């Protein structure tokens, strides 16, 4: 695998001046009918001088090869002159966005989900991007999709599916994004690509199970709320019995305590407001 070699060619302004002088000289030789000399001067000017002039814009580079051999990469912005026989390939160093398409995959628990990611990347090593892979743009697209699929297969959608999971796709957020970024850097390092940022942009259950999963989440929320209500009601009943006993307001036998506990739990845990009932008799009648 080629290692990037950064070169600093000479300035192109002196060569441009030589090109213009040779051009003027060739025109002058034509004017005085020295066609052979004029042709030779112009051939040298347009074949050996002019093709060597290159312009490198900010955040761009030129990868140079000579007869199939990698010569080096020019990353400095400016106007330069290089060997005119080299092949010059422009490579952008700017950051790029990859808005991945929505993928339908199975999570760790086998549930079909939809997932997509936004990836910010740039070329870091031009030699690898040019020679290590056939097409580095296509390589980034395919490997990014593979990394997102692998991430989705590695974790459950949420903790309802795997109660022992420390990281889930829905609640993992920053950890999931960091894991995706690390895997992408590992996969794309072969092509000289650096991942600047990777984020999950879309995450949802697949349509065929979305309704069922929504009902399940709602049921889980209701159960959790009921559990909290019951725990609070039991605490309030316990406190009421203790206070009645401490103040000696009324003495309750076990049967009366059971009836009181039942009534209080119905009042505290019921979905509707309790309807008072006036008891004109006794508990035993």
C-alpha atoms as a PDB file:
ATOM      1  CA  UNK A   1       0.000   0.000   0.000  1.00  0.00           C
ATOM      2  CA  UNK A   2       1.380   3.387  -1.042  1.00  0.00           C
ATOM      3  CA  UNK A   3       2.317   5.890   1.650  1.00  0.00           C
ATOM      4  CA  UNK A   4       1.605   9.521   0.965  1.00  0.00           C
ATOM      5  CA  UNK A   5       4.649  11.555  -0.033  1.00  0.00           C
ATOM      6  CA  UNK A   6       4.205  15.322   0.089  1.00  0.00           C
ATOM      7  CA  UNK A   7       6.393  17.323  -2.284  1.00  0.00           C
ATOM      8  CA  UNK A   8       6.933  21.065  -2.710  1.00  0.00           C
ATOM      9  CA  UNK A   9       7.585  21.878  -6.409  1.00  0.00           C
ATOM     10  CA  UNK A  10       9.147  25.161  -7.531  1.00  0.00           C
ATOM     11  CA  UNK A  11       7.009  28.226  -8.168  1.00  0.00           C
ATOM     12  CA  UNK A  12       5.371  28.404 -11.566  1.00  0.00           C
ATOM     13  CA  UNK A  13       5.824  32.144 -12.089  1.00  0.00           C
ATOM     14  CA  UNK A  14       9.413  31.848 -13.336  1.00  0.00           C
ATOM     15  CA  UNK A  15       8.395  29.036 -15.668  1.00  0.00           C
ATOM     16  CA  UNK A  16       5.480  31.133 -16.909  1.00  0.00           C
ATOM     17  CA  UNK A  17       7.911  33.938 -17.729  1.00  0.00           C
ATOM     18  CA  UNK A  18      10.129  31.462 -19.635  1.00  0.00           C
ATOM     19  CA  UNK A  19       7.044  30.196 -21.495  1.00  0.00           C
ATOM     20  CA  UNK A  20       6.101  33.711 -22.580  1.00  0.00           C
ATOM     21  CA  UNK A  21       9.670  34.494 -23.675  1.00  0.00           C
ATOM     22  CA  UNK A  22       9.849  31.310 -25.739  1.00  0.00           C
ATOM     23  CA  UNK A  23       6.449  32.085 -27.234  1.00  0.00           C
ATOM     24  CA  UNK A  24       7.580  35.546 -28.229  1.00  0.00           C
ATOM     25  CA  UNK A  25      10.826  34.091 -29.595  1.00  0.00           C
ATOM     26  CA  UNK A  26       8.943  31.514 -31.662  1.00  0.00           C
ATOM     27  CA  UNK A  27       6.660  34.168 -33.106  1.00  0.00           C
ATOM     28  CA  UNK A  28       9.681  36.332 -33.952  1.00  0.00           C
ATOM     29  CA  UNK A  29      11.410  33.406 -35.693  1.00  0.00           C
ATOM     30  CA  UNK A  30       8.270  32.824 -37.746  1.00  0.00           C
ATOM     31  CA  UNK A  31       8.272  36.480 -38.652  1.00  0.00           C
ATOM     32  CA  UNK A  32      11.847  36.303 -39.983  1.00  0.00           C
ATOM     33  CA  UNK A  33      11.016  33.048 -41.785  1.00  0.00           C
ATOM     34  CA  UNK A  34      13.152  30.786 -39.585  1.00  0.00           C
ATOM     35  CA  UNK A  35      10.456  28.133 -39.644  1.00  0.00           C
ATOM     36  CA  UNK A  36      12.567  25.221 -38.452  1.00  0.00           C
ATOM     37  CA  UNK A  37      13.849  27.074 -35.403  1.00  0.00           C
ATOM     38  CA  UNK A  38      10.458  28.592 -34.733  1.00  0.00           C
ATOM     39  CA  UNK A  39       8.804  25.177 -34.801  1.00  0.00           C
ATOM     40  CA  UNK A  40      11.407  23.701 -32.456  1.00  0.00           C
ATOM     41  CA  UNK A  41      11.035  26.561 -29.979  1.00  0.00           C
ATOM     42  CA  UNK A  42       7.224  26.352 -29.988  1.00  0.00           C
ATOM     43  CA  UNK A  43       7.271  22.562 -29.635  1.00  0.00           C
ATOM     44  CA  UNK A  44       9.520  22.852 -26.589  1.00  0.00           C
ATOM     45  CA  UNK A  45       7.361  25.673 -25.231  1.00  0.00           C
ATOM     46  CA  UNK A  46       3.999  23.899 -25.549  1.00  0.00           C
ATOM     47  CA  UNK A  47       5.103  20.317 -24.856  1.00  0.00           C
ATOM     48  CA  UNK A  48       7.816  20.614 -22.206  1.00  0.00           C
ATOM     49  CA  UNK A  49       7.100  23.934 -20.475  1.00  0.00           C
ATOM     50  CA  UNK A  50       3.375  24.700 -20.495  1.00  0.00           C
ATOM     51  CA  UNK A  51       2.044  21.233 -19.425  1.00  0.00           C
ATOM     52  CA  UNK A  52       4.159  21.412 -16.269  1.00  0.00           C
ATOM     53  CA  UNK A  53       2.285  24.427 -14.905  1.00  0.00           C
ATOM     54  CA  UNK A  54      -0.318  23.520 -12.271  1.00  0.00           C
ATOM     55  CA  UNK A  55      -2.640  25.465  -9.989  1.00  0.00           C
ATOM     56  CA  UNK A  56      -3.555  23.998  -6.588  1.00  0.00           C
ATOM     57  CA  UNK A  57      -6.597  25.601  -4.985  1.00  0.00           C
ATOM     58  CA  UNK A  58      -7.213  25.734  -1.201  1.00  0.00           C
ATOM     59  CA  UNK A  59      -8.172  22.331   0.246  1.00  0.00           C
ATOM     60  CA  UNK A  60      -7.220  20.561  -2.957  1.00  0.00           C
ATOM     61  CA  UNK A  61      -4.240  18.438  -3.940  1.00  0.00           C
ATOM     62  CA  UNK A  62      -2.543  17.100  -7.051  1.00  0.00           C
ATOM     63  CA  UNK A  63      -1.379  13.484  -7.105  1.00  0.00           C
ATOM     64  CA  UNK A  64       1.534  13.047  -9.502  1.00  0.00           C
ATOM     65  CA  UNK A  65       2.548   9.826 -11.268  1.00  0.00           C
ATOM     66  CA  UNK A  66       5.324   9.343 -13.803  1.00  0.00           C
ATOM     67  CA  UNK A  67       5.152   6.334 -16.134  1.00  0.00           C
ATOM     68  CA  UNK A  68       3.064   4.400 -13.607  1.00  0.00           C
ATOM     69  CA  UNK A  69       5.188   5.341 -10.583  1.00  0.00           C
ATOM     70  CA  UNK A  70       3.870   7.483  -7.747  1.00  0.00           C
ATOM     71  CA  UNK A  71       5.977  10.643  -7.524  1.00  0.00           C
ATOM     72  CA  UNK A  72       4.255  12.553  -4.732  1.00  0.00           C
ATOM     73  CA  UNK A  73       1.366  14.807  -3.779  1.00  0.00           C
ATOM     74  CA  UNK A  74       1.218  18.587  -3.884  1.00  0.00           C
ATOM     75  CA  UNK A  75      -0.974  19.899  -1.059  1.00  0.00           C
ATOM     76  CA  UNK A  76       0.258  23.479  -0.811  1.00  0.00           C
ATOM     77  CA  UNK A  77      -2.023  25.965  -2.511  1.00  0.00           C
ATOM     78  CA  UNK A  78      -0.510  28.102  -5.225  1.00  0.00           C
ATOM     79  CA  UNK A  79       1.004  28.138  -8.724  1.00  0.00           C
ATOM     80  CA  UNK A  80       3.750  25.552  -9.401  1.00  0.00           C
ATOM     81  CA  UNK A  81       5.722  23.841 -12.130  1.00  0.00           C
ATOM     82  CA  UNK A  82       6.263  20.087 -12.120  1.00  0.00           C
ATOM     83  CA  UNK A  83       7.651  17.539 -14.519  1.00  0.00           C
ATOM     84  CA  UNK A  84       5.483  17.998 -17.641  1.00  0.00           C
ATOM     85  CA  UNK A  85       5.497  14.247 -18.295  1.00  0.00           C
ATOM     86  CA  UNK A  86       3.758  13.432 -15.018  1.00  0.00           C
ATOM     87  CA  UNK A  87       0.078  12.595 -14.828  1.00  0.00           C
ATOM     88  CA  UNK A  88      -1.725  15.017 -12.545  1.00  0.00           C
ATOM     89  CA  UNK A  89      -4.859  13.916 -10.689  1.00  0.00           C
ATOM     90  CA  UNK A  90      -6.852  16.464  -8.704  1.00  0.00           C
ATOM     91  CA  UNK A  91      -8.119  15.259  -5.329  1.00  0.00           C
ATOM     92  CA  UNK A  92     -10.328  17.349  -3.056  1.00  0.00           C
ATOM     93  CA  UNK A  93      -9.431  17.586   0.627  1.00  0.00           C
ATOM     94  CA  UNK A  94     -12.663  19.308   1.610  1.00  0.00           C
ATOM     95  CA  UNK A  95     -15.032  17.807   4.164  1.00  0.00           C
ATOM     96  CA  UNK A  96     -18.011  16.048   2.596  1.00  0.00           C
ATOM     97  CA  UNK A  97     -21.418  14.952   3.842  1.00  0.00           C
ATOM     98  CA  UNK A  98     -22.832  11.507   3.225  1.00  0.00           C
ATOM     99  CA  UNK A  99     -26.551  11.398   3.959  1.00  0.00           C
ATOM    100  CA  UNK A 100     -27.092   7.654   4.090  1.00  0.00           C
ATOM    101  CA  UNK A 101     -30.326   6.156   2.833  1.00  0.00           C
ATOM    102  CA  UNK A 102     -32.749   4.493   5.235  1.00  0.00           C
ATOM    103  CA  UNK A 103     -31.849   0.831   5.683  1.00  0.00           C
ATOM    104  CA  UNK A 104     -34.230  -1.882   6.817  1.00  0.00           C
ATOM    105  CA  UNK A 105     -32.309  -4.282   9.061  1.00  0.00           C
ATOM    106  CA  UNK A 106     -32.820  -6.475  12.116  1.00  0.00           C
ATOM    107  CA  UNK A 107     -31.595  -5.362  15.522  1.00  0.00           C
ATOM    108  CA  UNK A 108     -29.890  -7.669  18.006  1.00  0.00           C
ATOM    109  CA  UNK A 109     -33.241  -9.146  19.093  1.00  0.00           C
ATOM    110  CA  UNK A 110     -34.330  -9.821  15.502  1.00  0.00           C
ATOM    111  CA  UNK A 111     -36.855  -6.989  15.234  1.00  0.00           C
ATOM    112  CA  UNK A 112     -36.969  -5.209  11.848  1.00  0.00           C
ATOM    113  CA  UNK A 113     -36.009  -1.547  12.189  1.00  0.00           C
ATOM    114  CA  UNK A 114     -35.265   1.401   9.919  1.00  0.00           C
ATOM    115  CA  UNK A 115     -31.957   3.183  10.446  1.00  0.00           C
ATOM    116  CA  UNK A 116     -29.923   5.840   8.635  1.00  0.00           C
ATOM    117  CA  UNK A 117     -26.798   7.866   9.426  1.00  0.00           C
ATOM    118  CA  UNK A 118     -25.191  11.162   8.426  1.00  0.00           C
ATOM    119  CA  UNK A 119     -21.412  10.951   8.010  1.00  0.00           C
ATOM    120  CA  UNK A 120     -18.906  13.786   7.600  1.00  0.00           C
ATOM    121  CA  UNK A 121     -15.634  12.642   6.025  1.00  0.00           C
ATOM    122  CA  UNK A 122     -12.600  13.867   4.113  1.00  0.00           C
ATOM    123  CA  UNK A 123      -9.578  12.488   2.309  1.00  0.00           C
ATOM    124  CA  UNK A 124      -6.600  12.335   4.656  1.00  0.00           C
ATOM    125  CA  UNK A 125      -4.020  10.348   2.645  1.00  0.00           C
ATOM    126  CA  UNK A 126      -4.200  10.979  -1.081  1.00  0.00           C
ATOM    127  CA  UNK A 127      -1.976   8.056  -2.063  1.00  0.00           C
ATOM    128  CA  UNK A 128      -4.265   5.494  -0.439  1.00  0.00           C
ATOM    129  CA  UNK A 129      -7.380   7.160  -1.852  1.00  0.00           C
ATOM    130  CA  UNK A 130      -5.861   7.067  -5.354  1.00  0.00           C
ATOM    131  CA  UNK A 131      -4.175   3.670  -5.422  1.00  0.00           C
ATOM    132  CA  UNK A 132      -5.456   1.453  -2.571  1.00  0.00           C
ATOM    133  CA  UNK A 133      -9.081   1.252  -3.793  1.00  0.00           C
ATOM    134  CA  UNK A 134     -10.720   1.354  -7.205  1.00  0.00           C
ATOM    135  CA  UNK A 135     -13.128   4.227  -6.485  1.00  0.00           C
ATOM    136  CA  UNK A 136     -12.852   5.837  -3.067  1.00  0.00           C
ATOM    137  CA  UNK A 137     -16.275   7.544  -3.347  1.00  0.00           C
ATOM    138  CA  UNK A 138     -18.035   4.251  -3.963  1.00  0.00           C
ATOM    139  CA  UNK A 139     -15.868   2.629  -1.291  1.00  0.00           C
ATOM    140  CA  UNK A 140     -17.058   5.188   1.287  1.00  0.00           C
ATOM    141  CA  UNK A 141     -20.724   4.618   0.371  1.00  0.00           C
ATOM    142  CA  UNK A 142     -20.571   0.827   0.545  1.00  0.00           C
ATOM    143  CA  UNK A 143     -18.479   0.606   3.714  1.00  0.00           C
ATOM    144  CA  UNK A 144     -20.645   3.202   5.464  1.00  0.00           C
ATOM    145  CA  UNK A 145     -23.762   1.177   4.739  1.00  0.00           C
ATOM    146  CA  UNK A 146     -22.032  -1.990   5.973  1.00  0.00           C
ATOM    147  CA  UNK A 147     -20.976  -0.254   9.206  1.00  0.00           C
ATOM    148  CA  UNK A 148     -24.513   1.005   9.900  1.00  0.00           C
ATOM    149  CA  UNK A 149     -25.940  -2.473   9.290  1.00  0.00           C
ATOM    150  CA  UNK A 150     -23.375  -4.032  11.642  1.00  0.00           C
ATOM    151  CA  UNK A 151     -24.157  -1.444  14.318  1.00  0.00           C
ATOM    152  CA  UNK A 152     -27.896  -2.159  14.078  1.00  0.00           C
ATOM    153  CA  UNK A 153     -27.274  -5.917  14.352  1.00  0.00           C
ATOM    154  CA  UNK A 154     -25.108  -5.437  17.457  1.00  0.00           C
ATOM    155  CA  UNK A 155     -27.610  -3.706  19.763  1.00  0.00           C
ATOM    156  CA  UNK A 156     -31.274  -3.916  20.686  1.00  0.00           C
ATOM    157  CA  UNK A 157     -33.603  -1.110  19.666  1.00  0.00           C
ATOM    158  CA  UNK A 158     -34.439  -0.233  23.283  1.00  0.00           C
ATOM    159  CA  UNK A 159     -34.291  -1.627  26.807  1.00  0.00           C
ATOM    160  CA  UNK A 160     -37.780  -3.140  26.527  1.00  0.00           C
ATOM    161  CA  UNK A 161     -36.298  -5.763  24.223  1.00  0.00           C
ATOM    162  CA  UNK A 162     -33.187  -6.429  26.288  1.00  0.00           C
ATOM    163  CA  UNK A 163     -33.481  -5.365  29.930  1.00  0.00           C
ATOM    164  CA  UNK A 164     -29.838  -6.230  30.641  1.00  0.00           C
ATOM    165  CA  UNK A 165     -28.462  -4.174  27.748  1.00  0.00           C
ATOM    166  CA  UNK A 166     -26.099  -1.389  28.782  1.00  0.00           C
ATOM    167  CA  UNK A 167     -26.297   0.271  25.366  1.00  0.00           C
ATOM    168  CA  UNK A 168     -29.334   0.413  23.080  1.00  0.00           C
ATOM    169  CA  UNK A 169     -29.804   2.093  19.707  1.00  0.00           C
ATOM    170  CA  UNK A 170     -32.555   4.355  21.024  1.00  0.00           C
ATOM    171  CA  UNK A 171     -31.031   5.385  24.342  1.00  0.00           C
ATOM    172  CA  UNK A 172     -27.308   4.984  23.587  1.00  0.00           C
ATOM    173  CA  UNK A 173     -27.076   8.279  21.663  1.00  0.00           C
ATOM    174  CA  UNK A 174     -23.493   9.501  22.096  1.00  0.00           C
ATOM    175  CA  UNK A 175     -22.047   6.034  22.778  1.00  0.00           C
ATOM    176  CA  UNK A 176     -23.719   4.581  19.682  1.00  0.00           C
ATOM    177  CA  UNK A 177     -22.452   7.471  17.544  1.00  0.00           C
ATOM    178  CA  UNK A 178     -18.922   7.037  18.906  1.00  0.00           C
ATOM    179  CA  UNK A 179     -18.977   3.319  18.144  1.00  0.00           C
ATOM    180  CA  UNK A 180     -20.159   4.034  14.605  1.00  0.00           C
ATOM    181  CA  UNK A 181     -17.414   6.612  14.134  1.00  0.00           C
ATOM    182  CA  UNK A 182     -14.739   4.207  15.376  1.00  0.00           C
ATOM    183  CA  UNK A 183     -15.894   1.406  13.080  1.00  0.00           C
ATOM    184  CA  UNK A 184     -16.044   3.714  10.081  1.00  0.00           C
ATOM    185  CA  UNK A 185     -12.512   4.985  10.724  1.00  0.00           C
ATOM    186  CA  UNK A 186     -11.304   1.397  10.929  1.00  0.00           C
ATOM    187  CA  UNK A 187     -13.083   0.357   7.729  1.00  0.00           C
ATOM    188  CA  UNK A 188     -12.109   3.438   5.697  1.00  0.00           C
ATOM    189  CA  UNK A 189      -8.497   3.790   6.830  1.00  0.00           C
ATOM    190  CA  UNK A 190      -7.489   1.531   3.921  1.00  0.00           C
ATOM    191  CA  UNK A 191      -8.682   4.223   1.515  1.00  0.00           C
ATOM    192  CA  UNK A 192      -7.025   7.072   3.423  1.00  0.00           C
ATOM    193  CA  UNK A 193     -10.386   8.445   4.584  1.00  0.00           C
ATOM    194  CA  UNK A 194     -10.889  10.183   7.941  1.00  0.00           C
ATOM    195  CA  UNK A 195     -14.309  10.303   9.601  1.00  0.00           C
ATOM    196  CA  UNK A 196     -14.906  13.697  11.200  1.00  0.00           C
ATOM    197  CA  UNK A 197     -18.359  12.952  12.578  1.00  0.00           C
ATOM    198  CA  UNK A 198     -20.957  10.185  12.372  1.00  0.00           C
ATOM    199  CA  UNK A 199     -24.501  10.477  13.709  1.00  0.00           C
ATOM    200  CA  UNK A 200     -27.641   8.331  13.571  1.00  0.00           C
ATOM    201  CA  UNK A 201     -30.164  10.509  11.713  1.00  0.00           C
ATOM    202  CA  UNK A 202     -33.160   8.151  11.596  1.00  0.00           C
ATOM    203  CA  UNK A 203     -34.225   5.302  13.863  1.00  0.00           C
ATOM    204  CA  UNK A 204     -37.633   3.643  14.016  1.00  0.00           C
ATOM    205  CA  UNK A 205     -39.335   0.285  14.011  1.00  0.00           C
ATOM    206  CA  UNK A 206     -40.253  -1.038  10.572  1.00  0.00           C
ATOM    207  CA  UNK A 207     -43.818  -0.284   9.508  1.00  0.00           C
ATOM    208  CA  UNK A 208     -45.054  -3.869   9.844  1.00  0.00           C
ATOM    209  CA  UNK A 209     -44.340  -3.941  13.597  1.00  0.00           C
ATOM    210  CA  UNK A 210     -44.467  -0.240  14.475  1.00  0.00           C
ATOM    211  CA  UNK A 211     -48.107  -0.360  15.647  1.00  0.00           C
ATOM    212  CA  UNK A 212     -47.551  -3.445  17.821  1.00  0.00           C
ATOM    213  CA  UNK A 213     -44.413  -1.976  19.360  1.00  0.00           C
ATOM    214  CA  UNK A 214     -46.212   1.295  20.103  1.00  0.00           C
ATOM    215  CA  UNK A 215     -48.929  -0.626  21.959  1.00  0.00           C
ATOM    216  CA  UNK A 216     -46.249  -2.498  23.853  1.00  0.00           C
ATOM    217  CA  UNK A 217     -44.517   0.722  24.865  1.00  0.00           C
ATOM    218  CA  UNK A 218     -47.818   2.218  25.981  1.00  0.00           C
ATOM    219  CA  UNK A 219     -48.621  -0.907  28.018  1.00  0.00           C
ATOM    220  CA  UNK A 220     -45.184  -0.781  29.631  1.00  0.00           C
ATOM    221  CA  UNK A 221     -45.734   2.882  30.507  1.00  0.00           C
ATOM    222  CA  UNK A 222     -49.127   2.093  32.068  1.00  0.00           C
ATOM    223  CA  UNK A 223     -47.650  -0.771  34.093  1.00  0.00           C
ATOM    224  CA  UNK A 224     -44.822   1.431  35.333  1.00  0.00           C
ATOM    225  CA  UNK A 225     -47.290   4.145  36.333  1.00  0.00           C
ATOM    226  CA  UNK A 226     -49.543   1.640  38.119  1.00  0.00           C
ATOM    227  CA  UNK A 227     -46.567   0.229  39.966  1.00  0.00           C
ATOM    228  CA  UNK A 228     -45.635   3.695  41.199  1.00  0.00           C
ATOM    229  CA  UNK A 229     -49.231   4.410  42.251  1.00  0.00           C
ATOM    230  CA  UNK A 230     -49.519   1.143  44.191  1.00  0.00           C
ATOM    231  CA  UNK A 231     -46.193   1.714  45.955  1.00  0.00           C
ATOM    232  CA  UNK A 232     -47.339   5.192  46.983  1.00  0.00           C
ATOM    233  CA  UNK A 233     -50.751   3.954  48.106  1.00  0.00           C
ATOM    234  CA  UNK A 234     -49.267   1.202  50.262  1.00  0.00           C
ATOM    235  CA  UNK A 235     -46.988   3.758  51.916  1.00  0.00           C
ATOM    236  CA  UNK A 236     -49.907   6.070  52.630  1.00  0.00           C
ATOM    237  CA  UNK A 237     -52.028   3.238  54.104  1.00  0.00           C
ATOM    238  CA  UNK A 238     -49.127   2.153  56.287  1.00  0.00           C
ATOM    239  CA  UNK A 239     -48.636   5.715  57.504  1.00  0.00           C
ATOM    240  CA  UNK A 240     -52.374   6.106  58.228  1.00  0.00           C
ATOM    241  CA  UNK A 241     -52.525   2.946  60.338  1.00  0.00           C
ATOM    242  CA  UNK A 242     -49.417   3.965  62.268  1.00  0.00           C
ATOM    243  CA  UNK A 243     -50.783   7.445  62.998  1.00  0.00           C
ATOM    244  CA  UNK A 244     -54.158   6.084  64.118  1.00  0.00           C
ATOM    245  CA  UNK A 245     -52.408   3.669  66.438  1.00  0.00           C
ATOM    246  CA  UNK A 246     -50.052   6.316  67.844  1.00  0.00           C
ATOM    247  CA  UNK A 247     -52.840   8.842  68.496  1.00  0.00           C
ATOM    248  CA  UNK A 248     -55.129   6.116  69.839  1.00  0.00           C
ATOM    249  CA  UNK A 249     -57.960   7.665  67.848  1.00  0.00           C
ATOM    250  CA  UNK A 250     -59.578   4.316  67.300  1.00  0.00           C
ATOM    251  CA  UNK A 251     -58.683   0.759  68.109  1.00  0.00           C
ATOM    252  CA  UNK A 252     -58.906  -1.573  65.134  1.00  0.00           C
ATOM    253  CA  UNK A 253     -58.902  -5.314  65.189  1.00  0.00           C
ATOM    254  CA  UNK A 254     -57.433  -7.297  62.283  1.00  0.00           C
ATOM    255  CA  UNK A 255     -60.711  -7.483  60.391  1.00  0.00           C
ATOM    256  CA  UNK A 256     -61.296  -3.734  60.662  1.00  0.00           C
ATOM    257  CA  UNK A 257     -57.710  -3.063  59.573  1.00  0.00           C
ATOM    258  CA  UNK A 258     -58.212  -5.291  56.517  1.00  0.00           C
ATOM    259  CA  UNK A 259     -61.401  -3.456  55.600  1.00  0.00           C
ATOM    260  CA  UNK A 260     -59.726  -0.076  56.030  1.00  0.00           C
ATOM    261  CA  UNK A 261     -56.735  -1.115  53.943  1.00  0.00           C
ATOM    262  CA  UNK A 262     -59.050  -2.372  51.201  1.00  0.00           C
ATOM    263  CA  UNK A 263     -61.064   0.836  51.133  1.00  0.00           C
ATOM    264  CA  UNK A 264     -58.000   3.085  51.134  1.00  0.00           C
ATOM    265  CA  UNK A 265     -56.351   1.126  48.309  1.00  0.00           C
ATOM    266  CA  UNK A 266     -59.517   1.341  46.232  1.00  0.00           C
ATOM    267  CA  UNK A 267     -59.656   5.098  46.767  1.00  0.00           C
ATOM    268  CA  UNK A 268     -55.953   5.723  46.125  1.00  0.00           C
ATOM    269  CA  UNK A 269     -55.475   3.323  43.197  1.00  0.00           C
ATOM    270  CA  UNK A 270     -58.789   3.794  41.410  1.00  0.00           C
ATOM    271  CA  UNK A 271     -59.015   5.497  37.994  1.00  0.00           C
ATOM    272  CA  UNK A 272     -62.113   7.463  39.020  1.00  0.00           C
ATOM    273  CA  UNK A 273     -63.015   9.586  42.001  1.00  0.00           C
ATOM    274  CA  UNK A 274     -64.355   7.552  44.917  1.00  0.00           C
ATOM    275  CA  UNK A 275     -68.085   7.768  45.710  1.00  0.00           C
ATOM    276  CA  UNK A 276     -68.620   8.128  49.484  1.00  0.00           C
ATOM    277  CA  UNK A 277     -70.968   5.654  51.170  1.00  0.00           C
ATOM    278  CA  UNK A 278     -72.483   6.473  54.588  1.00  0.00           C
ATOM    279  CA  UNK A 279     -72.551   3.380  56.783  1.00  0.00           C
ATOM    280  CA  UNK A 280     -75.308   3.767  59.427  1.00  0.00           C
ATOM    281  CA  UNK A 281     -74.741   0.344  60.877  1.00  0.00           C
ATOM    282  CA  UNK A 282     -71.635  -1.480  62.007  1.00  0.00           C
ATOM    283  CA  UNK A 283     -69.024  -3.443  60.208  1.00  0.00           C
ATOM    284  CA  UNK A 284     -70.513  -6.677  61.426  1.00  0.00           C
ATOM    285  CA  UNK A 285     -74.143  -5.933  60.478  1.00  0.00           C
END
